[in-house]
Amino acid sequence: MSVLELDSRGRVTIPKEIRDQMEMEKRVLVINAGDHVKLIPLPSDPFKVLHGGFKTAKTFRELRREAESLARETFKED
């Protein structure tokens, strides 16, 4: 655990040890969680992280068509 100080512009430097442990690169997502702040490391290449995460025989075009159809059904005006 580290106690950090904000600089005059409100910035904080995350210690290298923590950046290395969390595999932080250049970008983080900052979330206001009410009484505290959450920092979530973002990968430099999000598609690389997702590679192999979805197993489907359908093409991207088929998946997109299905998603658009579902959206039209879901948000159809009465």
N, C-alpha and C. Protein backbone atom coordinates (compact mmCIF):
# COMPACT_ATOMS: atom_id res chain seq x y z
N MET A 1 0.85 -1.17 0.00
CA MET A 1 0.00 0.00 0.00
C MET A 1 0.90 1.23 0.00
N SER A 2 0.46 2.24 -0.72
CA SER A 2 1.22 3.48 -0.82
C SER A 2 0.30 4.67 -0.55
N VAL A 3 0.84 5.68 0.11
CA VAL A 3 0.14 6.95 0.26
C VAL A 3 0.79 7.88 -0.75
N LEU A 4 -0.02 8.45 -1.64
CA LEU A 4 0.50 9.29 -2.70
C LEU A 4 0.01 10.72 -2.55
N GLU A 5 0.75 11.65 -3.12
CA GLU A 5 0.36 13.06 -3.09
C GLU A 5 -0.03 13.51 -4.48
N LEU A 6 -1.06 14.34 -4.53
CA LEU A 6 -1.43 14.97 -5.80
C LEU A 6 -0.46 16.11 -6.07
N ASP A 7 -0.08 16.29 -7.33
CA ASP A 7 0.75 17.44 -7.65
C ASP A 7 -0.15 18.67 -7.83
N SER A 8 0.43 19.80 -8.20
CA SER A 8 -0.34 21.04 -8.31
C SER A 8 -1.43 20.98 -9.37
N ARG A 9 -1.33 20.02 -10.30
CA ARG A 9 -2.36 19.88 -11.34
C ARG A 9 -3.32 18.74 -11.03
N GLY A 10 -3.24 18.16 -9.84
CA GLY A 10 -4.15 17.10 -9.45
C GLY A 10 -3.75 15.72 -9.93
N ARG A 11 -2.50 15.55 -10.37
CA ARG A 11 -2.03 14.27 -10.89
C ARG A 11 -1.36 13.45 -9.80
N VAL A 12 -1.38 12.13 -10.01
CA VAL A 12 -0.74 11.19 -9.10
C VAL A 12 0.19 10.31 -9.94
N THR A 13 1.35 10.00 -9.40
CA THR A 13 2.23 9.04 -10.06
C THR A 13 2.09 7.71 -9.35
N ILE A 14 1.70 6.69 -10.11
CA ILE A 14 1.54 5.36 -9.54
C ILE A 14 2.94 4.73 -9.48
N PRO A 15 3.33 4.22 -8.31
CA PRO A 15 4.67 3.65 -8.18
C PRO A 15 4.93 2.55 -9.21
N LYS A 16 6.17 2.49 -9.70
CA LYS A 16 6.55 1.53 -10.74
C LYS A 16 6.24 0.09 -10.32
N GLU A 17 6.49 -0.23 -9.07
CA GLU A 17 6.23 -1.59 -8.58
C GLU A 17 4.75 -1.98 -8.80
N ILE A 18 3.86 -1.07 -8.49
CA ILE A 18 2.42 -1.33 -8.68
C ILE A 18 2.08 -1.40 -10.16
N ARG A 19 2.63 -0.47 -10.96
CA ARG A 19 2.38 -0.50 -12.41
C ARG A 19 2.83 -1.82 -13.01
N ASP A 20 3.99 -2.31 -12.57
CA ASP A 20 4.50 -3.58 -13.09
C ASP A 20 3.63 -4.75 -12.66
N GLN A 21 3.23 -4.78 -11.40
CA GLN A 21 2.39 -5.87 -10.88
C GLN A 21 1.05 -5.92 -11.61
N MET A 22 0.48 -4.75 -11.90
CA MET A 22 -0.84 -4.66 -12.53
C MET A 22 -0.75 -4.68 -14.06
N GLU A 23 0.48 -4.75 -14.58
CA GLU A 23 0.72 -4.72 -16.02
C GLU A 23 0.08 -3.50 -16.67
N MET A 24 0.22 -2.36 -16.00
CA MET A 24 -0.31 -1.11 -16.53
C MET A 24 0.58 -0.63 -17.66
N GLU A 25 -0.05 -0.19 -18.72
CA GLU A 25 0.72 0.35 -19.83
C GLU A 25 0.55 1.86 -19.85
N LYS A 26 -0.16 2.40 -20.83
CA LYS A 26 -0.29 3.86 -20.92
C LYS A 26 -1.65 4.38 -20.49
N ARG A 27 -2.67 3.52 -20.49
CA ARG A 27 -4.02 4.03 -20.24
C ARG A 27 -4.68 3.26 -19.11
N VAL A 28 -5.46 4.00 -18.30
CA VAL A 28 -6.27 3.39 -17.24
C VAL A 28 -7.67 4.00 -17.29
N LEU A 29 -8.63 3.22 -16.89
CA LEU A 29 -10.00 3.69 -16.76
C LEU A 29 -10.16 4.17 -15.33
N VAL A 30 -10.65 5.39 -15.14
CA VAL A 30 -10.86 5.96 -13.81
C VAL A 30 -12.35 5.95 -13.53
N ILE A 31 -12.73 5.33 -12.42
CA ILE A 31 -14.14 5.22 -12.05
C ILE A 31 -14.36 5.87 -10.69
N ASN A 32 -15.32 6.79 -10.64
CA ASN A 32 -15.72 7.40 -9.37
C ASN A 32 -16.65 6.40 -8.69
N ALA A 33 -16.18 5.81 -7.61
CA ALA A 33 -16.95 4.79 -6.90
C ALA A 33 -17.54 5.34 -5.60
N GLY A 34 -17.90 6.60 -5.61
CA GLY A 34 -18.53 7.21 -4.44
C GLY A 34 -17.51 7.71 -3.45
N ASP A 35 -17.09 6.84 -2.53
CA ASP A 35 -16.14 7.27 -1.51
C ASP A 35 -14.69 6.93 -1.86
N HIS A 36 -14.47 6.38 -3.06
CA HIS A 36 -13.11 6.08 -3.51
C HIS A 36 -13.06 6.07 -5.04
N VAL A 37 -11.86 5.97 -5.57
CA VAL A 37 -11.65 5.96 -7.02
C VAL A 37 -11.07 4.61 -7.40
N LYS A 38 -11.54 4.04 -8.50
CA LYS A 38 -10.99 2.79 -9.01
C LYS A 38 -10.21 3.08 -10.28
N LEU A 39 -9.04 2.47 -10.41
CA LEU A 39 -8.24 2.55 -11.61
C LEU A 39 -8.18 1.15 -12.22
N ILE A 40 -8.56 1.05 -13.47
CA ILE A 40 -8.53 -0.24 -14.16
C ILE A 40 -7.60 -0.12 -15.35
N PRO A 41 -6.52 -0.92 -15.37
CA PRO A 41 -5.60 -0.85 -16.50
C PRO A 41 -6.29 -1.24 -17.80
N LEU A 42 -6.03 -0.48 -18.86
CA LEU A 42 -6.56 -0.79 -20.18
C LEU A 42 -5.43 -1.30 -21.06
N PRO A 43 -5.66 -2.38 -21.78
CA PRO A 43 -4.61 -2.91 -22.65
C PRO A 43 -4.37 -1.98 -23.84
N SER A 44 -3.15 -1.96 -24.34
CA SER A 44 -2.85 -1.11 -25.50
C SER A 44 -3.55 -1.65 -26.75
N ASP A 45 -3.76 -2.97 -26.82
CA ASP A 45 -4.46 -3.58 -27.94
C ASP A 45 -5.60 -4.44 -27.41
N PRO A 46 -6.80 -3.87 -27.25
CA PRO A 46 -7.92 -4.62 -26.66
C PRO A 46 -8.32 -5.85 -27.47
N PHE A 47 -8.11 -5.82 -28.78
CA PHE A 47 -8.48 -6.97 -29.61
C PHE A 47 -7.55 -8.16 -29.34
N LYS A 48 -6.31 -7.87 -29.01
CA LYS A 48 -5.36 -8.94 -28.68
C LYS A 48 -5.82 -9.67 -27.41
N VAL A 49 -6.32 -8.92 -26.45
CA VAL A 49 -6.81 -9.50 -25.19
C VAL A 49 -8.04 -10.37 -25.45
N LEU A 50 -8.89 -9.93 -26.38
CA LEU A 50 -10.12 -10.67 -26.67
C LEU A 50 -9.91 -11.87 -27.59
N HIS A 51 -8.76 -11.95 -28.24
CA HIS A 51 -8.52 -13.02 -29.20
C HIS A 51 -8.78 -14.39 -28.57
N GLY A 52 -9.64 -15.16 -29.20
CA GLY A 52 -9.98 -16.48 -28.71
C GLY A 52 -11.04 -16.49 -27.63
N GLY A 53 -11.54 -15.33 -27.26
CA GLY A 53 -12.54 -15.25 -26.20
C GLY A 53 -13.93 -15.67 -26.63
N PHE A 54 -14.18 -15.62 -27.92
CA PHE A 54 -15.49 -15.99 -28.44
C PHE A 54 -15.34 -17.16 -29.39
N LYS A 55 -16.07 -18.20 -29.15
CA LYS A 55 -16.04 -19.37 -30.01
C LYS A 55 -17.35 -19.42 -30.77
N THR A 56 -17.32 -19.16 -32.06
CA THR A 56 -18.52 -19.21 -32.87
C THR A 56 -18.16 -19.54 -34.31
N ALA A 57 -19.04 -20.25 -34.97
CA ALA A 57 -18.82 -20.58 -36.38
C ALA A 57 -19.40 -19.51 -37.29
N LYS A 58 -20.16 -18.56 -36.69
CA LYS A 58 -20.79 -17.51 -37.48
C LYS A 58 -19.79 -16.43 -37.85
N THR A 59 -20.01 -15.83 -39.00
CA THR A 59 -19.16 -14.73 -39.43
C THR A 59 -19.57 -13.46 -38.70
N PHE A 60 -18.70 -12.47 -38.74
CA PHE A 60 -19.00 -11.18 -38.13
C PHE A 60 -20.26 -10.61 -38.76
N ARG A 61 -20.39 -10.74 -40.08
CA ARG A 61 -21.55 -10.20 -40.79
C ARG A 61 -22.85 -10.84 -40.29
N GLU A 62 -22.83 -12.17 -40.06
CA GLU A 62 -24.02 -12.86 -39.54
C GLU A 62 -24.36 -12.39 -38.12
N LEU A 63 -23.34 -12.27 -37.29
CA LEU A 63 -23.57 -11.83 -35.92
C LEU A 63 -24.13 -10.41 -35.89
N ARG A 64 -23.60 -9.56 -36.76
CA ARG A 64 -24.08 -8.17 -36.82
C ARG A 64 -25.54 -8.13 -37.27
N ARG A 65 -25.89 -8.92 -38.29
CA ARG A 65 -27.26 -8.96 -38.79
C ARG A 65 -28.22 -9.39 -37.67
N GLU A 66 -27.82 -10.41 -36.91
CA GLU A 66 -28.67 -10.88 -35.80
C GLU A 66 -28.82 -9.81 -34.73
N ALA A 67 -27.74 -9.12 -34.41
CA ALA A 67 -27.79 -8.06 -33.40
C ALA A 67 -28.69 -6.92 -33.84
N GLU A 68 -28.60 -6.53 -35.11
CA GLU A 68 -29.44 -5.46 -35.63
C GLU A 68 -30.91 -5.87 -35.62
N SER A 69 -31.19 -7.11 -35.98
CA SER A 69 -32.56 -7.61 -35.97
C SER A 69 -33.12 -7.61 -34.55
N LEU A 70 -32.33 -8.08 -33.60
CA LEU A 70 -32.77 -8.10 -32.21
C LEU A 70 -33.01 -6.68 -31.69
N ALA A 71 -32.15 -5.74 -32.08
CA ALA A 71 -32.32 -4.35 -31.65
C ALA A 71 -33.61 -3.77 -32.22
N ARG A 72 -33.90 -4.07 -33.49
CA ARG A 72 -35.15 -3.56 -34.09
C ARG A 72 -36.37 -4.13 -33.38
N GLU A 73 -36.34 -5.42 -33.04
CA GLU A 73 -37.47 -6.04 -32.33
C GLU A 73 -37.62 -5.47 -30.93
N THR A 74 -36.51 -5.27 -30.26
CA THR A 74 -36.52 -4.79 -28.88
C THR A 74 -37.02 -3.36 -28.77
N PHE A 75 -36.61 -2.51 -29.72
CA PHE A 75 -36.93 -1.09 -29.62
C PHE A 75 -37.99 -0.66 -30.64
N LYS A 76 -38.82 -1.60 -31.05
CA LYS A 76 -39.90 -1.31 -31.99
C LYS A 76 -40.92 -0.38 -31.37
N GLU A 77 -41.29 0.65 -32.11
CA GLU A 77 -42.31 1.59 -31.61
C GLU A 77 -43.69 0.95 -31.73
N ASP A 78 -44.54 1.20 -30.74
CA ASP A 78 -45.92 0.64 -30.76
C ASP A 78 -46.83 1.46 -31.62
